[in-house]
PDB file of all heavy atoms in Angstrom:
ATOM      1  N   LEU A   1       0.827  -1.208   0.000  1.00  0.00           N
ATOM      2  CA  LEU A   1       0.000   0.000   0.000  1.00  0.00           C
ATOM      3  C   LEU A   1       0.861   1.257   0.000  1.00  0.00           C
ATOM      4  O   LEU A   1       2.006   1.233   0.466  1.00  0.00           O
ATOM      5  CB  LEU A   1      -0.893   0.031   1.250  1.00  0.00           C
ATOM      6  CG  LEU A   1      -1.949  -1.059   1.392  1.00  0.00           C
ATOM      7  CD1 LEU A   1      -2.574  -0.977   2.783  1.00  0.00           C
ATOM      8  CD2 LEU A   1      -3.011  -0.925   0.317  1.00  0.00           C
ATOM      9  N   PRO A   2       0.351   2.369  -0.504  1.00  0.00           N
ATOM     10  CA  PRO A   2       1.028   3.651  -0.281  1.00  0.00           C
ATOM     11  C   PRO A   2       1.150   3.896   1.220  1.00  0.00           C
ATOM     12  O   PRO A   2       0.299   3.459   2.005  1.00  0.00           O
ATOM     13  CB  PRO A   2       0.086   4.673  -0.932  1.00  0.00           C
ATOM     14  CG  PRO A   2      -0.734   3.888  -1.903  1.00  0.00           C
ATOM     15  CD  PRO A   2      -0.877   2.522  -1.305  1.00  0.00           C
ATOM     16  N   GLN A   3       2.204   4.600   1.617  1.00  0.00           N
ATOM     17  CA  GLN A   3       2.435   4.800   3.049  1.00  0.00           C
ATOM     18  C   GLN A   3       1.242   5.454   3.740  1.00  0.00           C
ATOM     19  O   GLN A   3       0.866   5.076   4.857  1.00  0.00           O
ATOM     20  CB  GLN A   3       3.691   5.654   3.261  1.00  0.00           C
ATOM     21  CG  GLN A   3       4.120   5.742   4.707  1.00  0.00           C
ATOM     22  CD  GLN A   3       5.458   6.449   4.870  1.00  0.00           C
ATOM     23  OE1 GLN A   3       5.528   7.667   4.848  1.00  0.00           O
ATOM     24  NE2 GLN A   3       6.528   5.675   5.021  1.00  0.00           N
ATOM     25  N   ILE A   4       0.615   6.414   3.081  1.00  0.00           N
ATOM     26  CA  ILE A   4      -0.496   7.122   3.723  1.00  0.00           C
ATOM     27  C   ILE A   4      -1.687   6.198   3.938  1.00  0.00           C
ATOM     28  O   ILE A   4      -2.402   6.296   4.942  1.00  0.00           O
ATOM     29  CB  ILE A   4      -0.885   8.361   2.902  1.00  0.00           C
ATOM     30  CG1 ILE A   4      -1.828   9.244   3.722  1.00  0.00           C
ATOM     31  CG2 ILE A   4      -1.504   7.991   1.566  1.00  0.00           C
ATOM     32  CD1 ILE A   4      -1.991  10.616   3.158  1.00  0.00           C
ATOM     33  N   ASP A   5      -1.917   5.238   3.019  1.00  0.00           N
ATOM     34  CA  ASP A   5      -3.004   4.272   3.195  1.00  0.00           C
ATOM     35  C   ASP A   5      -2.712   3.323   4.343  1.00  0.00           C
ATOM     36  O   ASP A   5      -3.627   2.914   5.073  1.00  0.00           O
ATOM     37  CB  ASP A   5      -3.229   3.489   1.906  1.00  0.00           C
ATOM     38  CG  ASP A   5      -3.866   4.337   0.817  1.00  0.00           C
ATOM     39  OD1 ASP A   5      -4.077   5.534   1.059  1.00  0.00           O
ATOM     40  OD2 ASP A   5      -4.155   3.806  -0.268  1.00  0.00           O
ATOM     41  N   GLU A   6      -1.435   2.957   4.502  1.00  0.00           N
ATOM     42  CA  GLU A   6      -1.051   2.110   5.631  1.00  0.00           C
ATOM     43  C   GLU A   6      -1.438   2.765   6.954  1.00  0.00           C
ATOM     44  O   GLU A   6      -1.920   2.097   7.882  1.00  0.00           O
ATOM     45  CB  GLU A   6       0.461   1.878   5.628  1.00  0.00           C
ATOM     46  CG  GLU A   6       0.994   1.034   4.490  1.00  0.00           C
ATOM     47  CD  GLU A   6       2.511   0.987   4.475  1.00  0.00           C
ATOM     48  OE1 GLU A   6       3.150   1.742   5.255  1.00  0.00           O
ATOM     49  OE2 GLU A   6       3.080   0.197   3.688  1.00  0.00           O
ATOM     50  N   LEU A   7      -1.223   4.072   7.033  1.00  0.00           N
ATOM     51  CA  LEU A   7      -1.468   4.798   8.281  1.00  0.00           C
ATOM     52  C   LEU A   7      -2.957   4.943   8.564  1.00  0.00           C
ATOM     53  O   LEU A   7      -3.417   4.676   9.679  1.00  0.00           O
ATOM     54  CB  LEU A   7      -0.800   6.176   8.207  1.00  0.00           C
ATOM     55  CG  LEU A   7       0.729   6.144   8.119  1.00  0.00           C
ATOM     56  CD1 LEU A   7       1.280   7.525   7.772  1.00  0.00           C
ATOM     57  CD2 LEU A   7       1.326   5.651   9.430  1.00  0.00           C
ATOM     58  N   ILE A   8      -3.732   5.372   7.578  1.00  0.00           N
ATOM     59  CA  ILE A   8      -5.168   5.554   7.785  1.00  0.00           C
ATOM     60  C   ILE A   8      -5.844   4.221   8.113  1.00  0.00           C
ATOM     61  O   ILE A   8      -6.792   4.167   8.907  1.00  0.00           O
ATOM     62  CB  ILE A   8      -5.798   6.208   6.538  1.00  0.00           C
ATOM     63  CG1 ILE A   8      -5.284   7.647   6.385  1.00  0.00           C
ATOM     64  CG2 ILE A   8      -7.324   6.200   6.614  1.00  0.00           C
ATOM     65  CD1 ILE A   8      -5.752   8.341   5.132  1.00  0.00           C
ATOM     66  N   HIS A   9      -5.317   3.141   7.555  1.00  0.00           N
ATOM     67  CA  HIS A   9      -5.888   1.814   7.761  1.00  0.00           C
ATOM     68  C   HIS A   9      -5.890   1.402   9.232  1.00  0.00           C
ATOM     69  O   HIS A   9      -6.824   0.730   9.691  1.00  0.00           O
ATOM     70  CB  HIS A   9      -5.085   0.802   6.927  1.00  0.00           C
ATOM     71  CG  HIS A   9      -5.525  -0.623   7.086  1.00  0.00           C
ATOM     72  ND1 HIS A   9      -6.725  -1.095   6.588  1.00  0.00           N
ATOM     73  CD2 HIS A   9      -4.928  -1.681   7.706  1.00  0.00           C
ATOM     74  CE1 HIS A   9      -6.846  -2.377   6.871  1.00  0.00           C
ATOM     75  NE2 HIS A   9      -5.768  -2.754   7.554  1.00  0.00           N
ATOM     76  N   ILE A  10      -4.877   1.819   9.993  1.00  0.00           N
ATOM     77  CA  ILE A  10      -4.703   1.283  11.356  1.00  0.00           C
ATOM     78  C   ILE A  10      -5.239   2.210  12.455  1.00  0.00           C
ATOM     79  O   ILE A  10      -5.016   1.954  13.638  1.00  0.00           O
ATOM     80  CB  ILE A  10      -3.223   0.959  11.636  1.00  0.00           C
ATOM     81  CG1 ILE A  10      -2.351   2.209  11.488  1.00  0.00           C
ATOM     82  CG2 ILE A  10      -2.730  -0.153  10.723  1.00  0.00           C
ATOM     83  CD1 ILE A  10      -0.888   1.986  11.886  1.00  0.00           C
ATOM     84  N   ALA A  11      -5.953   3.273  12.081  1.00  0.00           N
ATOM     85  CA  ALA A  11      -6.454   4.197  13.100  1.00  0.00           C
ATOM     86  C   ALA A  11      -7.903   4.581  12.841  1.00  0.00           C
ATOM     87  O   ALA A  11      -8.313   4.783  11.696  1.00  0.00           O
ATOM     88  CB  ALA A  11      -5.586   5.447  13.151  1.00  0.00           C
ATOM     89  N   ARG A  12      -8.668   4.711  13.904  1.00  0.00           N
ATOM     90  CA  ARG A  12     -10.018   5.235  13.777  1.00  0.00           C
ATOM     91  C   ARG A  12      -9.975   6.708  13.378  1.00  0.00           C
ATOM     92  O   ARG A  12     -10.750   7.161  12.554  1.00  0.00           O
ATOM     93  CB  ARG A  12     -10.774   5.082  15.101  1.00  0.00           C
ATOM     94  CG  ARG A  12     -11.171   3.650  15.443  1.00  0.00           C
ATOM     95  CD  ARG A  12     -11.805   3.590  16.828  1.00  0.00           C
ATOM     96  NE  ARG A  12     -12.239   2.240  17.146  1.00  0.00           N
ATOM     97  CZ  ARG A  12     -13.479   1.783  16.996  1.00  0.00           C
ATOM     98  NH1 ARG A  12     -14.409   2.604  16.522  1.00  0.00           N
ATOM     99  NH2 ARG A  12     -13.803   0.548  17.313  1.00  0.00           N
ATOM    100  N   VAL A  13      -9.055   7.448  14.014  1.00  0.00           N
ATOM    101  CA  VAL A  13      -8.878   8.867  13.698  1.00  0.00           C
ATOM    102  C   VAL A  13      -7.404   9.107  13.375  1.00  0.00           C
ATOM    103  O   VAL A  13      -6.523   8.790  14.177  1.00  0.00           O
ATOM    104  CB  VAL A  13      -9.309   9.780  14.868  1.00  0.00           C
ATOM    105  CG1 VAL A  13      -9.092  11.248  14.504  1.00  0.00           C
ATOM    106  CG2 VAL A  13     -10.761   9.537  15.243  1.00  0.00           C
ATOM    107  N   SER A  14      -7.125   9.653  12.204  1.00  0.00           N
ATOM    108  CA  SER A  14      -5.764   9.992  11.783  1.00  0.00           C
ATOM    109  C   SER A  14      -5.665  11.517  11.705  1.00  0.00           C
ATOM    110  O   SER A  14      -6.437  12.146  10.984  1.00  0.00           O
ATOM    111  CB  SER A  14      -5.447   9.383  10.413  1.00  0.00           C
ATOM    112  OG  SER A  14      -5.670   7.987  10.421  1.00  0.00           O
ATOM    113  N   VAL A  15      -4.718  12.083  12.444  1.00  0.00           N
ATOM    114  CA  VAL A  15      -4.577  13.538  12.507  1.00  0.00           C
ATOM    115  C   VAL A  15      -3.267  13.928  11.842  1.00  0.00           C
ATOM    116  O   VAL A  15      -2.184  13.613  12.342  1.00  0.00           O
ATOM    117  CB  VAL A  15      -4.601  14.047  13.961  1.00  0.00           C
ATOM    118  CG1 VAL A  15      -4.685  15.569  13.983  1.00  0.00           C
ATOM    119  CG2 VAL A  15      -5.759  13.431  14.732  1.00  0.00           C
ATOM    120  N   PHE A  16      -3.356  14.613  10.711  1.00  0.00           N
ATOM    121  CA  PHE A  16      -2.182  15.013   9.944  1.00  0.00           C
ATOM    122  C   PHE A  16      -1.898  16.496  10.158  1.00  0.00           C
ATOM    123  O   PHE A  16      -2.746  17.334   9.864  1.00  0.00           O
ATOM    124  CB  PHE A  16      -2.401  14.750   8.450  1.00  0.00           C
ATOM    125  CG  PHE A  16      -2.577  13.307   8.090  1.00  0.00           C
ATOM    126  CD1 PHE A  16      -3.834  12.715   8.131  1.00  0.00           C
ATOM    127  CD2 PHE A  16      -1.492  12.536   7.704  1.00  0.00           C
ATOM    128  CE1 PHE A  16      -4.005  11.388   7.793  1.00  0.00           C
ATOM    129  CE2 PHE A  16      -1.655  11.206   7.362  1.00  0.00           C
ATOM    130  CZ  PHE A  16      -2.906  10.620   7.411  1.00  0.00           C
ATOM    131  N   PHE A  17      -0.704  16.829  10.657  1.00  0.00           N
ATOM    132  CA  PHE A  17      -0.258  18.213  10.774  1.00  0.00           C
ATOM    133  C   PHE A  17       0.707  18.491   9.626  1.00  0.00           C
ATOM    134  O   PHE A  17       1.730  17.818   9.503  1.00  0.00           O
ATOM    135  CB  PHE A  17       0.442  18.443  12.118  1.00  0.00           C
ATOM    136  CG  PHE A  17      -0.472  18.315  13.294  1.00  0.00           C
ATOM    137  CD1 PHE A  17      -0.693  17.088  13.907  1.00  0.00           C
ATOM    138  CD2 PHE A  17      -1.133  19.428  13.803  1.00  0.00           C
ATOM    139  CE1 PHE A  17      -1.542  16.964  14.985  1.00  0.00           C
ATOM    140  CE2 PHE A  17      -1.986  19.319  14.882  1.00  0.00           C
ATOM    141  CZ  PHE A  17      -2.200  18.088  15.475  1.00  0.00           C
ATOM    142  N   ILE A  18       0.387  19.491   8.792  1.00  0.00           N
ATOM    143  CA  ILE A  18       1.137  19.626   7.537  1.00  0.00           C
ATOM    144  C   ILE A  18       1.395  21.076   7.160  1.00  0.00           C
ATOM    145  O   ILE A  18       0.599  21.973   7.456  1.00  0.00           O
ATOM    146  CB  ILE A  18       0.360  18.921   6.394  1.00  0.00           C
ATOM    147  CG1 ILE A  18       1.210  18.790   5.140  1.00  0.00           C
ATOM    148  CG2 ILE A  18      -0.960  19.643   6.094  1.00  0.00           C
ATOM    149  CD1 ILE A  18       0.636  17.835   4.107  1.00  0.00           C
ATOM    150  N   ASP A  19       2.538  21.297   6.538  1.00  0.00           N
ATOM    151  CA  ASP A  19       2.859  22.551   5.849  1.00  0.00           C
ATOM    152  C   ASP A  19       3.295  22.145   4.451  1.00  0.00           C
ATOM    153  O   ASP A  19       4.387  21.591   4.262  1.00  0.00           O
ATOM    154  CB  ASP A  19       3.988  23.296   6.578  1.00  0.00           C
ATOM    155  CG  ASP A  19       4.391  24.589   5.883  1.00  0.00           C
ATOM    156  OD1 ASP A  19       3.850  24.879   4.794  1.00  0.00           O
ATOM    157  OD2 ASP A  19       5.263  25.296   6.404  1.00  0.00           O
ATOM    158  N   ASP A  20       2.469  22.413   3.460  1.00  0.00           N
ATOM    159  CA  ASP A  20       2.735  21.950   2.091  1.00  0.00           C
ATOM    160  C   ASP A  20       4.013  22.529   1.504  1.00  0.00           C
ATOM    161  O   ASP A  20       4.507  22.040   0.475  1.00  0.00           O
ATOM    162  CB  ASP A  20       1.555  22.300   1.180  1.00  0.00           C
ATOM    163  CG  ASP A  20       0.368  21.381   1.411  1.00  0.00           C
ATOM    164  OD1 ASP A  20       0.566  20.157   1.466  1.00  0.00           O
ATOM    165  OD2 ASP A  20      -0.753  21.881   1.552  1.00  0.00           O
ATOM    166  N   ARG A  21       4.568  23.565   2.131  1.00  0.00           N
ATOM    167  CA  ARG A  21       5.769  24.213   1.588  1.00  0.00           C
ATOM    168  C   ARG A  21       7.038  23.800   2.326  1.00  0.00           C
ATOM    169  O   ARG A  21       8.032  24.513   2.297  1.00  0.00           O
ATOM    170  CB  ARG A  21       5.601  25.731   1.618  1.00  0.00           C
ATOM    171  CG  ARG A  21       4.409  26.230   0.801  1.00  0.00           C
ATOM    172  CD  ARG A  21       4.318  27.739   0.790  1.00  0.00           C
ATOM    173  NE  ARG A  21       3.148  28.191   0.045  1.00  0.00           N
ATOM    174  CZ  ARG A  21       1.973  28.451   0.587  1.00  0.00           C
ATOM    175  NH1 ARG A  21       1.805  28.318   1.892  1.00  0.00           N
ATOM    176  NH2 ARG A  21       0.952  28.852  -0.145  1.00  0.00           N
ATOM    177  N   GLN A  22       6.992  22.667   3.032  1.00  0.00           N
ATOM    178  CA  GLN A  22       8.195  22.204   3.728  1.00  0.00           C
ATOM    179  C   GLN A  22       8.732  20.889   3.173  1.00  0.00           C
ATOM    180  O   GLN A  22       9.547  20.230   3.822  1.00  0.00           O
ATOM    181  CB  GLN A  22       7.929  22.078   5.232  1.00  0.00           C
ATOM    182  CG  GLN A  22       7.938  23.405   5.967  1.00  0.00           C
ATOM    183  CD  GLN A  22       8.198  23.248   7.456  1.00  0.00           C
ATOM    184  OE1 GLN A  22       9.117  22.543   7.862  1.00  0.00           O
ATOM    185  NE2 GLN A  22       7.401  23.901   8.273  1.00  0.00           N
ATOM    186  N   ILE A  23       8.323  20.491   1.978  1.00  0.00           N
ATOM    187  CA  ILE A  23       8.899  19.292   1.357  1.00  0.00           C
ATOM    188  C   ILE A  23      10.290  19.642   0.844  1.00  0.00           C
ATOM    189  O   ILE A  23      10.451  20.546   0.024  1.00  0.00           O
ATOM    190  CB  ILE A  23       8.006  18.790   0.201  1.00  0.00           C
ATOM    191  CG1 ILE A  23       6.646  18.338   0.748  1.00  0.00           C
ATOM    192  CG2 ILE A  23       8.692  17.662  -0.555  1.00  0.00           C
ATOM    193  CD1 ILE A  23       5.658  17.927  -0.322  1.00  0.00           C
ATOM    194  N   VAL A  24      11.302  18.934   1.345  1.00  0.00           N
ATOM    195  CA  VAL A  24      12.686  19.275   0.991  1.00  0.00           C
ATOM    196  C   VAL A  24      13.450  18.110   0.360  1.00  0.00           C
ATOM    197  O   VAL A  24      14.633  18.267   0.029  1.00  0.00           O
ATOM    198  CB  VAL A  24      13.454  19.792   2.230  1.00  0.00           C
ATOM    199  CG1 VAL A  24      12.838  21.069   2.753  1.00  0.00           C
ATOM    200  CG2 VAL A  24      13.517  18.739   3.330  1.00  0.00           C
TER     201      VAL A  24
END
């Protein structure tokens, strides 16, 4: 699976904290 699908799969609630301009 894509990594993000792996994470959502194993939690009732998935909380993502993100800044789209910090990909380096």
